[in-house]
C-alpha atoms as a PDB file:
ATOM      1  CA  UNK A   1      -7.051   6.123  13.097  1.00  0.00           C
ATOM      2  CA  UNK A   2      -3.302   6.643  13.208  1.00  0.00           C
ATOM      3  CA  UNK A   3      -0.520   4.076  13.600  1.00  0.00           C
ATOM      4  CA  UNK A   4      -0.571   4.208  17.402  1.00  0.00           C
ATOM      5  CA  UNK A   5      -4.336   3.648  17.551  1.00  0.00           C
ATOM      6  CA  UNK A   6      -4.052   0.812  15.042  1.00  0.00           C
ATOM      7  CA  UNK A   7      -1.252  -0.908  16.975  1.00  0.00           C
ATOM      8  CA  UNK A   8      -3.251  -0.559  20.199  1.00  0.00           C
ATOM      9  CA  UNK A   9      -6.350  -2.115  18.582  1.00  0.00           C
ATOM     10  CA  UNK A  10      -4.290  -5.009  17.171  1.00  0.00           C
ATOM     11  CA  UNK A  11      -2.670  -5.592  20.557  1.00  0.00           C
ATOM     12  CA  UNK A  12      -6.090  -5.832  22.206  1.00  0.00           C
ATOM     13  CA  UNK A  13      -7.432  -8.241  19.547  1.00  0.00           C
ATOM     14  CA  UNK A  14      -4.295 -10.422  19.622  1.00  0.00           C
ATOM     15  CA  UNK A  15      -4.036 -10.309  23.418  1.00  0.00           C
ATOM     16  CA  UNK A  16      -0.417  -9.143  23.349  1.00  0.00           C
ATOM     17  CA  UNK A  17       1.512  -6.044  24.356  1.00  0.00           C
ATOM     18  CA  UNK A  18       1.468  -2.873  22.275  1.00  0.00           C
ATOM     19  CA  UNK A  19       5.241  -3.188  21.909  1.00  0.00           C
ATOM     20  CA  UNK A  20       4.930  -6.668  20.370  1.00  0.00           C
ATOM     21  CA  UNK A  21       2.091  -5.535  18.097  1.00  0.00           C
ATOM     22  CA  UNK A  22       4.206  -2.553  16.985  1.00  0.00           C
ATOM     23  CA  UNK A  23       7.154  -4.813  16.188  1.00  0.00           C
ATOM     24  CA  UNK A  24       4.919  -7.109  14.130  1.00  0.00           C
ATOM     25  CA  UNK A  25       3.321  -4.143  12.333  1.00  0.00           C
ATOM     26  CA  UNK A  26       6.728  -2.701  11.402  1.00  0.00           C
ATOM     27  CA  UNK A  27       7.911  -6.148  10.256  1.00  0.00           C
ATOM     28  CA  UNK A  28       4.863  -6.559   8.009  1.00  0.00           C
ATOM     29  CA  UNK A  29       5.381  -3.145   6.401  1.00  0.00           C
ATOM     30  CA  UNK A  30       9.130  -3.768   5.928  1.00  0.00           C
ATOM     31  CA  UNK A  31       8.419  -7.162   4.345  1.00  0.00           C
ATOM     32  CA  UNK A  32       5.855  -5.696   1.946  1.00  0.00           C
ATOM     33  CA  UNK A  33       8.306  -2.966   0.889  1.00  0.00           C
ATOM     34  CA  UNK A  34      11.230  -5.367   0.397  1.00  0.00           C
ATOM     35  CA  UNK A  35       9.139  -7.836  -1.646  1.00  0.00           C
ATOM     36  CA  UNK A  36       7.711  -5.067  -3.851  1.00  0.00           C
ATOM     37  CA  UNK A  37      11.223  -3.703  -4.461  1.00  0.00           C
ATOM     38  CA  UNK A  38      12.173  -7.071  -5.980  1.00  0.00           C
ATOM     39  CA  UNK A  39       9.284  -6.735  -8.439  1.00  0.00           C
ATOM     40  CA  UNK A  40       7.158  -9.515  -6.961  1.00  0.00           C
ATOM     41  CA  UNK A  41       3.414  -9.266  -6.344  1.00  0.00           C
ATOM     42  CA  UNK A  42       1.921 -10.048  -2.922  1.00  0.00           C
ATOM     43  CA  UNK A  43      -1.519 -11.668  -2.818  1.00  0.00           C
ATOM     44  CA  UNK A  44      -3.356 -12.095   0.469  1.00  0.00           C
ATOM     45  CA  UNK A  45      -6.532 -14.170  -0.105  1.00  0.00           C
ATOM     46  CA  UNK A  46      -9.609 -12.546   1.389  1.00  0.00           C
ATOM     47  CA  UNK A  47      -7.885  -9.149   1.663  1.00  0.00           C
ATOM     48  CA  UNK A  48      -6.156  -7.955  -1.525  1.00  0.00           C
ATOM     49  CA  UNK A  49      -2.946  -7.695  -3.496  1.00  0.00           C
ATOM     50  CA  UNK A  50       0.075  -5.393  -3.589  1.00  0.00           C
ATOM     51  CA  UNK A  51       2.106  -4.781  -6.743  1.00  0.00           C
ATOM     52  CA  UNK A  52       4.349  -2.207  -8.403  1.00  0.00           C
ATOM     53  CA  UNK A  53       2.998  -0.589 -11.566  1.00  0.00           C
ATOM     54  CA  UNK A  54       5.243   1.101 -14.137  1.00  0.00           C
ATOM     55  CA  UNK A  55       4.049   4.313 -15.723  1.00  0.00           C
ATOM     56  CA  UNK A  56       5.647   5.440 -18.962  1.00  0.00           C
ATOM     57  CA  UNK A  57       6.872   8.967 -19.626  1.00  0.00           C
ATOM     58  CA  UNK A  58       4.197  11.327 -20.936  1.00  0.00           C
ATOM     59  CA  UNK A  59       3.668  14.957 -21.807  1.00  0.00           C
ATOM     60  CA  UNK A  60       0.930  17.000 -20.167  1.00  0.00           C
ATOM     61  CA  UNK A  61      -0.377  20.504 -20.720  1.00  0.00           C
ATOM     62  CA  UNK A  62      -0.614  23.003 -17.871  1.00  0.00           C
ATOM     63  CA  UNK A  63      -4.185  24.366 -18.163  1.00  0.00           C
ATOM     64  CA  UNK A  64      -3.237  27.778 -16.789  1.00  0.00           C
ATOM     65  CA  UNK A  65      -0.195  28.518 -18.950  1.00  0.00           C
ATOM     66  CA  UNK A  66      -0.883  26.107 -21.855  1.00  0.00           C
ATOM     67  CA  UNK A  67       2.760  25.094 -21.520  1.00  0.00           C
ATOM     68  CA  UNK A  68       3.814  21.508 -22.259  1.00  0.00           C
ATOM     69  CA  UNK A  69       5.299  19.637 -19.307  1.00  0.00           C
ATOM     70  CA  UNK A  70       7.275  16.390 -19.482  1.00  0.00           C
ATOM     71  CA  UNK A  71       6.363  13.788 -16.853  1.00  0.00           C
ATOM     72  CA  UNK A  72       9.115  11.215 -16.287  1.00  0.00           C
ATOM     73  CA  UNK A  73       8.511   7.464 -16.200  1.00  0.00           C
ATOM     74  CA  UNK A  74       8.077   6.094 -12.700  1.00  0.00           C
ATOM     75  CA  UNK A  75       7.058   3.069 -10.662  1.00  0.00           C
ATOM     76  CA  UNK A  76       4.221   3.303  -8.155  1.00  0.00           C
ATOM     77  CA  UNK A  77       3.013   0.843  -5.527  1.00  0.00           C
ATOM     78  CA  UNK A  78      -0.599  -0.236  -5.993  1.00  0.00           C
ATOM     79  CA  UNK A  79      -3.049  -2.025  -3.720  1.00  0.00           C
ATOM     80  CA  UNK A  80      -6.253  -3.653  -4.930  1.00  0.00           C
ATOM     81  CA  UNK A  81      -8.847  -4.982  -2.492  1.00  0.00           C
ATOM     82  CA  UNK A  82     -10.126  -8.513  -3.106  1.00  0.00           C
ATOM     83  CA  UNK A  83     -13.755  -9.204  -4.045  1.00  0.00           C
ATOM     84  CA  UNK A  84     -14.560 -10.967  -0.768  1.00  0.00           C
ATOM     85  CA  UNK A  85     -13.164  -8.042   1.248  1.00  0.00           C
ATOM     86  CA  UNK A  86     -15.196  -5.529  -0.784  1.00  0.00           C
ATOM     87  CA  UNK A  87     -18.296  -7.648  -0.261  1.00  0.00           C
ATOM     88  CA  UNK A  88     -18.056  -7.105   3.502  1.00  0.00           C
ATOM     89  CA  UNK A  89     -19.039  -3.454   2.988  1.00  0.00           C
ATOM     90  CA  UNK A  90     -21.981  -3.882   0.604  1.00  0.00           C
END
């Protein structure tokens, strides 16, 4: 399912136009990004949580050349599904 299919399905469930559903979808994504950029965590009960995780700088070894490679420190977004959401699939 791509974004267009998702927006269409949401519009049908919410009984609204695809344009309105697309605007809401974009607003949700923009809000998640802006909140995560501030360093806050987003928790949605019954669904999951979004957060930014910091990874420290490390050194790795290329298995083909045996050469050492430096990997810079970085921040990555992370999503973890909640227990009740996972339970829906088991």
